[in-house]
Protein backbone atom coordinates (compact mmCIF):
# COMPACT_ATOMS: atom_id res chain seq x y z
CA MET A 1 -0.01 -0.02 -0.37
CA MET A 2 1.22 3.58 -0.80
CA HIS A 3 1.09 6.37 1.83
CA PHE A 4 0.54 9.77 0.46
CA PRO A 5 0.47 13.02 2.47
CA LYS A 6 -3.00 14.47 2.63
CA GLN A 7 -1.82 17.61 0.60
CA ASP A 8 0.19 15.33 -2.01
CA VAL A 9 -1.12 16.28 -5.62
CA PHE A 10 -0.51 12.85 -6.88
CA ARG A 11 -2.98 11.08 -4.42
CA LYS A 12 -5.90 11.61 -6.66
CA TYR A 13 -4.13 9.49 -9.35
CA PHE A 14 -3.89 6.41 -7.23
CA SER A 15 -6.51 4.12 -5.89
CA ASP A 16 -6.33 2.09 -2.72
CA TYR A 17 -7.54 -1.39 -3.75
CA LYS A 18 -7.23 -4.59 -2.05
CA MET A 19 -5.11 -7.07 -3.90
CA ASN A 20 -4.83 -10.81 -3.40
CA VAL A 21 -1.59 -12.61 -3.98
CA ILE A 22 -1.14 -16.28 -4.13
CA CYS A 23 2.00 -18.41 -4.26
CA LEU A 24 1.60 -21.29 -6.63
CA ASP A 25 4.23 -23.18 -4.96
CA ASP A 26 2.26 -23.16 -1.66
CA ILE A 27 -0.74 -24.41 -3.37
CA GLU A 28 -0.88 -28.62 -3.24
CA ASP A 29 -4.36 -29.21 -4.97
CA MET A 30 -4.90 -27.06 -8.15
CA ASP A 31 -8.16 -28.80 -8.61
CA VAL A 32 -9.77 -26.22 -5.92
CA PHE A 33 -9.88 -24.04 -9.17
CA LYS A 34 -12.82 -24.56 -11.52
CA THR A 35 -11.78 -22.16 -14.25
CA GLU A 36 -9.06 -22.26 -16.78
CA LEU A 37 -7.21 -20.88 -14.08
CA ARG A 38 -6.40 -24.24 -13.08
CA GLN A 39 -4.79 -25.25 -16.35
CA LEU A 40 -2.74 -22.20 -16.12
CA PHE A 41 -1.46 -22.53 -12.63
CA LYS A 42 -0.66 -26.16 -13.21
CA LEU A 43 1.36 -25.34 -16.07
CA MET A 44 3.34 -22.50 -14.38
CA LYS A 45 4.13 -24.85 -11.57
CA HIS A 46 6.21 -26.69 -14.30
CA ARG A 47 7.35 -23.77 -16.38
CA GLY A 48 11.07 -24.39 -15.57
CA ASN A 49 10.98 -28.08 -16.29
CA GLY A 50 9.94 -28.95 -20.20
CA SER A 51 9.44 -32.74 -19.46
CA ALA A 52 7.25 -31.97 -16.65
CA MET A 53 5.22 -29.59 -18.74
CA ARG A 54 5.04 -32.09 -21.53
CA LYS A 55 3.80 -34.93 -19.28
CA LEU A 56 1.05 -32.44 -17.78
CA ILE A 57 -0.24 -31.44 -21.08
CA GLU A 58 -0.34 -34.94 -22.28
CA ASP A 59 -1.91 -36.44 -19.45
CA ASP A 60 -4.65 -33.82 -18.90
CA GLU A 61 -7.45 -33.85 -21.44
CA ASP A 62 -8.49 -30.15 -20.46
CA TYR A 63 -5.19 -28.78 -22.55
CA LYS A 64 -6.78 -30.03 -25.60
CA ASP A 65 -9.43 -27.41 -25.64
CA VAL A 66 -8.33 -23.99 -24.55
CA TYR A 67 -9.87 -20.52 -25.16
CA ALA A 68 -7.73 -18.08 -27.10
CA ASP A 69 -7.21 -15.58 -23.89
CA THR A 70 -6.21 -18.76 -21.85
CA LEU A 71 -3.58 -19.68 -24.53
CA TYR A 72 -2.26 -16.43 -24.75
CA THR A 73 -1.71 -16.18 -20.85
CA MET A 74 -0.27 -19.61 -21.17
CA SER A 75 2.40 -18.57 -23.80
CA VAL A 76 3.27 -15.41 -21.86
CA MET A 77 3.69 -17.25 -18.80
CA VAL A 78 5.76 -20.22 -19.67
CA GLU A 79 7.92 -17.89 -21.98
CA ARG A 80 6.86 -19.66 -24.90
CA PRO A 81 5.60 -16.80 -27.31
CA LYS A 82 5.77 -18.93 -30.34
CA ILE A 83 2.60 -20.70 -29.38
CA TRP A 84 0.49 -17.53 -29.33
CA GLU A 85 2.27 -16.14 -32.49
CA GLU A 86 1.52 -19.41 -34.26
CA ARG A 87 -2.05 -20.04 -32.94
CA GLU A 88 -3.89 -20.75 -36.17
CA LYS A 89 -1.83 -23.99 -36.44
CA TYR A 90 -3.64 -25.16 -33.26
CA LEU A 91 -7.09 -23.96 -34.03
CA LYS A 92 -9.62 -26.63 -33.35
CA LYS A 93 -12.44 -27.64 -35.84
CA ASP A 94 -14.78 -25.59 -33.97
CA GLU A 95 -12.73 -22.49 -34.88
CA VAL A 96 -13.15 -21.04 -31.35
CA ASN A 97 -10.70 -22.90 -29.01
CA TYR A 98 -7.05 -24.33 -29.37
CA ASN A 99 -5.27 -27.38 -28.82
CA MET A 100 -2.30 -26.75 -26.38
CA CYS A 101 -0.97 -30.51 -26.83
CA LEU A 102 -0.91 -29.95 -30.71
CA ALA A 103 0.95 -26.39 -29.94
CA PHE A 104 3.37 -27.92 -27.68
CA ASP A 105 4.21 -30.89 -29.93
CA GLN A 106 5.00 -28.46 -32.82
CA ILE A 107 6.82 -26.07 -30.79
CA GLU A 108 9.15 -28.79 -29.45
CA ALA A 109 9.56 -30.31 -33.03
CA GLU A 110 11.04 -26.92 -34.31
CA GLU A 111 13.21 -26.44 -31.02
CA ARG A 112 14.76 -29.83 -31.75
CA GLU A 113 15.35 -28.98 -35.34
CA LYS A 114 16.89 -25.79 -34.57
CA GLY A 115 19.22 -27.81 -31.90
CA ARG A 116 19.98 -30.27 -34.81
CA GLU A 117 20.94 -27.28 -37.14
CA GLU A 118 23.09 -25.63 -34.36
CA GLY A 119 24.79 -28.94 -33.74
CA ARG A 120 25.82 -29.56 -37.45
CA GLU A 121 26.88 -26.27 -37.70
CA GLU A 122 29.30 -26.49 -34.48
CA GLY A 123 30.41 -29.84 -36.14
CA ARG A 124 31.37 -28.30 -39.31
CA GLU A 125 33.06 -25.31 -37.52
CA GLU A 126 34.92 -28.05 -35.41
CA GLY A 127 35.92 -30.20 -38.65
CA THR A 128 37.10 -26.88 -40.17
CA LEU A 129 39.49 -26.16 -37.46
CA SER A 130 40.76 -29.50 -36.89
CA THR A 131 41.70 -29.77 -40.59
CA LEU A 132 43.42 -26.40 -40.14
CA ALA A 133 45.35 -27.64 -37.25
CA GLY A 134 46.29 -30.66 -39.15
CA ASN A 135 47.21 -28.45 -42.40
CA ILE A 136 49.47 -26.18 -40.00
CA GLU A 137 51.09 -29.06 -38.31
CA ALA A 138 51.96 -30.79 -41.74
CA LEU A 139 53.75 -27.52 -43.02
CA MET A 140 55.79 -27.24 -39.89
CA LYS A 141 56.78 -30.95 -39.92
CA ASN A 142 57.29 -31.33 -43.83
CA LEU A 143 58.44 -27.93 -44.66
CA HIS A 144 60.35 -27.24 -41.30
CA LEU A 145 58.36 -23.97 -40.84
CA SER A 146 57.86 -22.14 -37.26
CA LEU A 147 54.42 -21.98 -36.12
CA GLU A 148 54.21 -18.31 -37.07
CA GLU A 149 55.30 -19.15 -40.65
CA ALA A 150 52.83 -21.90 -41.21
CA CYS A 151 49.93 -19.78 -39.77
CA ALA A 152 50.96 -17.12 -42.27
CA ALA A 153 51.16 -19.39 -45.17
CA LEU A 154 47.54 -20.69 -44.65
CA ASN A 155 46.21 -17.04 -43.73
CA THR A 156 45.54 -17.71 -40.16
CA THR A 157 46.58 -16.72 -36.88
CA VAL A 158 48.58 -18.48 -33.84
CA ALA A 159 45.39 -17.88 -31.79
CA THR A 160 43.10 -19.73 -34.36
CA TYR A 161 45.80 -22.43 -34.52
CA ASN A 162 45.54 -22.74 -30.46
CA LYS A 163 41.88 -22.48 -30.65
CA ALA A 164 41.75 -25.37 -33.21
CA LYS A 165 43.99 -27.69 -30.96
CA GLN A 166 41.68 -27.27 -27.98
CA ILE A 167 39.01 -28.88 -29.82
């Protein structure tokens, strides 16, 4: 609650409303909520644990039929904005509600593919660096060049060679 002196000019811009705050971690039984708050709060309890969220969504039929405002709130609260951005993909046949299970499946599939692509890119980079290190060492051995000379011949730096050796 904010305290304003009686003569404060800003006092008229603030209302003194009662606010109820709940801590989801303290609530054992989410079934006491009879609206879509139950789905939202259950999901939020698992927001840091992707596999727990996945299990919850798969096991609870209520996530197959979610209103748009609930879908939006869920996407914000579990930090998955893509669910809301691509909501038309998850629209049910009734064209009113959304299937959160389908949304979660598609987002996870896209994230897995992105991870695979990042892994491929890292692998290519590591392979290139490994080849570079081998070529520098071959020049040093076969042509009796110093490390600096071999790096200069391949238009690279000693720092890059050292990075390649660490991989």
